[in-house]
Amino acid sequence: MTSKMRCMTCGRFFPEGQGVSLKIGDDSLLFHSNSCAFKFVREVLLEVDRECITGPLEDTKKRFNEKIKLLDEKKQKKI
């Protein structure tokens, strides 16, 4: 029998193994959908002092830009 989990954003119950789970440190964050996970993360980011996330934000943007650049290069080679 599967247990029911509860979405941290809207309170909806959903079966264990479904939904979105984020683990940050010792915290397990459970959401029934991507949209609820996004709402929660957006609220957290709006609460964080910009000074605290500037470094990680720039690093993450750089990593994703590099991935996109590699994808673009692969597309160019195929043509």
N, C-alpha and C. Protein backbone atom coordinates (compact mmCIF):
# COMPACT_ATOMS: atom_id res chain seq x y z
N MET A 1 0.84 -1.19 0.00
CA MET A 1 0.00 0.00 0.00
C MET A 1 0.88 1.24 0.00
N THR A 2 0.62 2.15 -0.94
CA THR A 2 1.42 3.37 -1.00
C THR A 2 0.85 4.41 -0.06
N SER A 3 1.76 5.15 0.57
CA SER A 3 1.30 6.20 1.47
C SER A 3 1.05 7.47 0.67
N LYS A 4 0.30 8.35 1.25
CA LYS A 4 -0.02 9.62 0.60
C LYS A 4 0.94 10.70 1.11
N MET A 5 1.41 11.52 0.19
CA MET A 5 2.26 12.65 0.51
C MET A 5 1.41 13.91 0.38
N ARG A 6 1.84 15.01 0.98
CA ARG A 6 1.07 16.25 0.90
C ARG A 6 1.94 17.36 0.31
N CYS A 7 1.40 18.02 -0.69
CA CYS A 7 2.10 19.13 -1.36
C CYS A 7 2.30 20.28 -0.39
N MET A 8 3.53 20.80 -0.33
CA MET A 8 3.86 21.89 0.58
C MET A 8 3.27 23.22 0.13
N THR A 9 2.89 23.32 -1.12
CA THR A 9 2.38 24.58 -1.64
C THR A 9 0.86 24.68 -1.56
N CYS A 10 0.17 23.65 -2.02
CA CYS A 10 -1.30 23.72 -2.09
C CYS A 10 -2.01 22.79 -1.14
N GLY A 11 -1.29 21.84 -0.53
CA GLY A 11 -1.90 20.92 0.42
C GLY A 11 -2.52 19.68 -0.20
N ARG A 12 -2.47 19.56 -1.53
CA ARG A 12 -3.06 18.39 -2.19
C ARG A 12 -2.29 17.12 -1.81
N PHE A 13 -3.02 16.04 -1.60
CA PHE A 13 -2.40 14.75 -1.34
C PHE A 13 -2.11 14.05 -2.66
N PHE A 14 -0.98 13.32 -2.71
CA PHE A 14 -0.61 12.57 -3.92
C PHE A 14 0.14 11.32 -3.50
N PRO A 15 0.13 10.30 -4.36
CA PRO A 15 0.79 9.04 -4.00
C PRO A 15 2.31 9.19 -3.89
N GLU A 16 2.89 8.48 -2.94
CA GLU A 16 4.34 8.47 -2.77
C GLU A 16 4.98 7.97 -4.06
N GLY A 17 6.05 8.62 -4.48
CA GLY A 17 6.73 8.24 -5.72
C GLY A 17 6.32 9.10 -6.89
N GLN A 18 5.26 9.87 -6.72
CA GLN A 18 4.84 10.81 -7.76
C GLN A 18 5.15 12.22 -7.28
N GLY A 19 4.93 13.19 -8.12
CA GLY A 19 5.17 14.57 -7.74
C GLY A 19 6.64 14.93 -7.87
N VAL A 20 7.00 16.03 -7.22
CA VAL A 20 8.36 16.57 -7.28
C VAL A 20 8.93 16.60 -5.88
N SER A 21 10.14 16.10 -5.74
CA SER A 21 10.82 16.09 -4.45
C SER A 21 12.15 16.82 -4.59
N LEU A 22 12.37 17.80 -3.72
CA LEU A 22 13.65 18.51 -3.68
C LEU A 22 14.25 18.30 -2.30
N LYS A 23 15.52 17.94 -2.27
CA LYS A 23 16.20 17.77 -0.99
C LYS A 23 17.28 18.84 -0.90
N ILE A 24 17.15 19.68 0.11
CA ILE A 24 18.12 20.75 0.34
C ILE A 24 18.63 20.59 1.77
N GLY A 25 19.87 20.15 1.88
CA GLY A 25 20.41 19.86 3.21
C GLY A 25 19.62 18.72 3.83
N ASP A 26 19.09 18.96 5.02
CA ASP A 26 18.29 17.95 5.70
C ASP A 26 16.80 18.07 5.39
N ASP A 27 16.42 19.10 4.63
CA ASP A 27 15.00 19.32 4.31
C ASP A 27 14.59 18.57 3.06
N SER A 28 13.46 17.88 3.14
CA SER A 28 12.84 17.26 1.97
C SER A 28 11.60 18.06 1.64
N LEU A 29 11.56 18.63 0.46
CA LEU A 29 10.44 19.45 0.02
C LEU A 29 9.63 18.65 -0.98
N LEU A 30 8.34 18.49 -0.73
CA LEU A 30 7.48 17.65 -1.57
C LEU A 30 6.37 18.48 -2.19
N PHE A 31 6.17 18.29 -3.50
CA PHE A 31 5.16 19.04 -4.25
C PHE A 31 4.43 18.08 -5.18
N HIS A 32 3.15 18.32 -5.40
CA HIS A 32 2.38 17.40 -6.25
C HIS A 32 2.62 17.67 -7.73
N SER A 33 3.16 18.85 -8.09
CA SER A 33 3.37 19.17 -9.50
C SER A 33 4.56 20.12 -9.66
N ASN A 34 5.01 20.23 -10.91
CA ASN A 34 6.08 21.17 -11.23
C ASN A 34 5.67 22.60 -10.92
N SER A 35 4.41 22.93 -11.20
CA SER A 35 3.97 24.32 -10.98
C SER A 35 4.00 24.68 -9.49
N CYS A 36 3.61 23.74 -8.62
CA CYS A 36 3.70 24.03 -7.19
C CYS A 36 5.15 24.14 -6.74
N ALA A 37 6.02 23.30 -7.26
CA ALA A 37 7.45 23.38 -6.93
C ALA A 37 8.00 24.73 -7.37
N PHE A 38 7.63 25.17 -8.58
CA PHE A 38 8.10 26.45 -9.08
C PHE A 38 7.60 27.61 -8.21
N LYS A 39 6.33 27.58 -7.83
CA LYS A 39 5.78 28.64 -6.97
C LYS A 39 6.58 28.74 -5.67
N PHE A 40 6.86 27.59 -5.07
CA PHE A 40 7.59 27.56 -3.81
C PHE A 40 9.01 28.12 -3.98
N VAL A 41 9.72 27.63 -4.99
CA VAL A 41 11.10 28.07 -5.21
C VAL A 41 11.15 29.56 -5.55
N ARG A 42 10.17 30.03 -6.34
CA ARG A 42 10.12 31.46 -6.68
C ARG A 42 9.96 32.30 -5.41
N GLU A 43 9.08 31.87 -4.51
CA GLU A 43 8.88 32.60 -3.25
C GLU A 43 10.16 32.63 -2.42
N VAL A 44 10.86 31.50 -2.36
CA VAL A 44 12.12 31.45 -1.62
C VAL A 44 13.12 32.43 -2.22
N LEU A 45 13.25 32.42 -3.55
CA LEU A 45 14.21 33.31 -4.21
C LEU A 45 13.87 34.78 -4.01
N LEU A 46 12.58 35.10 -3.95
CA LEU A 46 12.18 36.48 -3.71
C LEU A 46 12.52 36.93 -2.29
N GLU A 47 12.60 35.98 -1.36
CA GLU A 47 12.92 36.29 0.04
C GLU A 47 14.42 36.40 0.30
N VAL A 48 15.23 35.78 -0.55
CA VAL A 48 16.68 35.74 -0.32
C VAL A 48 17.31 37.07 -0.71
N ASP A 49 18.25 37.51 0.11
CA ASP A 49 18.99 38.73 -0.18
C ASP A 49 19.80 38.53 -1.46
N ARG A 50 19.70 39.44 -2.38
CA ARG A 50 20.38 39.35 -3.68
C ARG A 50 21.88 39.08 -3.51
N GLU A 51 22.47 39.67 -2.49
CA GLU A 51 23.91 39.48 -2.25
C GLU A 51 24.25 38.01 -2.00
N CYS A 52 23.31 37.27 -1.41
CA CYS A 52 23.57 35.86 -1.06
C CYS A 52 23.55 34.94 -2.27
N ILE A 53 22.82 35.31 -3.32
CA ILE A 53 22.69 34.39 -4.45
C ILE A 53 23.40 34.85 -5.71
N THR A 54 24.03 36.01 -5.68
CA THR A 54 24.68 36.53 -6.89
C THR A 54 25.71 35.56 -7.45
N GLY A 55 26.59 35.03 -6.61
CA GLY A 55 27.62 34.09 -7.07
C GLY A 55 27.02 32.82 -7.65
N PRO A 56 26.18 32.11 -6.88
CA PRO A 56 25.57 30.89 -7.41
C PRO A 56 24.69 31.16 -8.64
N LEU A 57 24.02 32.29 -8.67
CA LEU A 57 23.18 32.63 -9.83
C LEU A 57 24.04 32.77 -11.08
N GLU A 58 25.13 33.49 -10.98
CA GLU A 58 26.02 33.68 -12.14
C GLU A 58 26.66 32.36 -12.57
N ASP A 59 27.07 31.54 -11.62
CA ASP A 59 27.66 30.23 -11.94
C ASP A 59 26.67 29.34 -12.68
N THR A 60 25.43 29.34 -12.20
CA THR A 60 24.39 28.51 -12.82
C THR A 60 24.06 29.00 -14.22
N LYS A 61 23.93 30.32 -14.37
CA LYS A 61 23.67 30.88 -15.70
C LYS A 61 24.79 30.52 -16.67
N LYS A 62 26.02 30.57 -16.20
CA LYS A 62 27.17 30.24 -17.05
C LYS A 62 27.13 28.78 -17.49
N ARG A 63 26.83 27.87 -16.54
CA ARG A 63 26.75 26.44 -16.89
C ARG A 63 25.66 26.18 -17.93
N PHE A 64 24.49 26.78 -17.75
CA PHE A 64 23.41 26.56 -18.71
C PHE A 64 23.73 27.19 -20.07
N ASN A 65 24.36 28.35 -20.06
CA ASN A 65 24.76 28.98 -21.33
C ASN A 65 25.76 28.12 -22.09
N GLU A 66 26.68 27.48 -21.34
CA GLU A 66 27.65 26.58 -21.98
C GLU A 66 26.96 25.37 -22.59
N LYS A 67 25.97 24.82 -21.90
CA LYS A 67 25.21 23.68 -22.44
C LYS A 67 24.48 24.07 -23.71
N ILE A 68 23.87 25.25 -23.70
CA ILE A 68 23.15 25.73 -24.89
C ILE A 68 24.12 25.93 -26.05
N LYS A 69 25.28 26.48 -25.75
CA LYS A 69 26.30 26.70 -26.79
C LYS A 69 26.72 25.37 -27.42
N LEU A 70 26.92 24.34 -26.58
CA LEU A 70 27.28 23.01 -27.10
C LEU A 70 26.17 22.44 -27.97
N LEU A 71 24.92 22.60 -27.56
CA LEU A 71 23.79 22.13 -28.36
C LEU A 71 23.75 22.84 -29.71
N ASP A 72 23.97 24.14 -29.69
CA ASP A 72 23.98 24.92 -30.94
C ASP A 72 25.09 24.45 -31.87
N GLU A 73 26.27 24.15 -31.30
CA GLU A 73 27.39 23.68 -32.10
C GLU A 73 27.07 22.31 -32.72
N LYS A 74 26.42 21.43 -31.97
CA LYS A 74 26.05 20.11 -32.51
C LYS A 74 25.04 20.27 -33.65
N LYS A 75 24.11 21.19 -33.51
CA LYS A 75 23.13 21.43 -34.57
C LYS A 75 23.81 21.95 -35.83
N GLN A 76 24.80 22.83 -35.66
CA GLN A 76 25.53 23.39 -36.80
C GLN A 76 26.30 22.28 -37.55
N LYS A 77 26.88 21.34 -36.79
CA LYS A 77 27.64 20.25 -37.41
C LYS A 77 26.75 19.32 -38.23
N LYS A 78 25.50 19.13 -37.79
CA LYS A 78 24.57 18.26 -38.50
C LYS A 78 24.14 18.85 -39.85
N ILE A 79 24.13 20.15 -39.93
CA ILE A 79 23.64 20.82 -41.14
C ILE A 79 24.66 20.81 -42.24
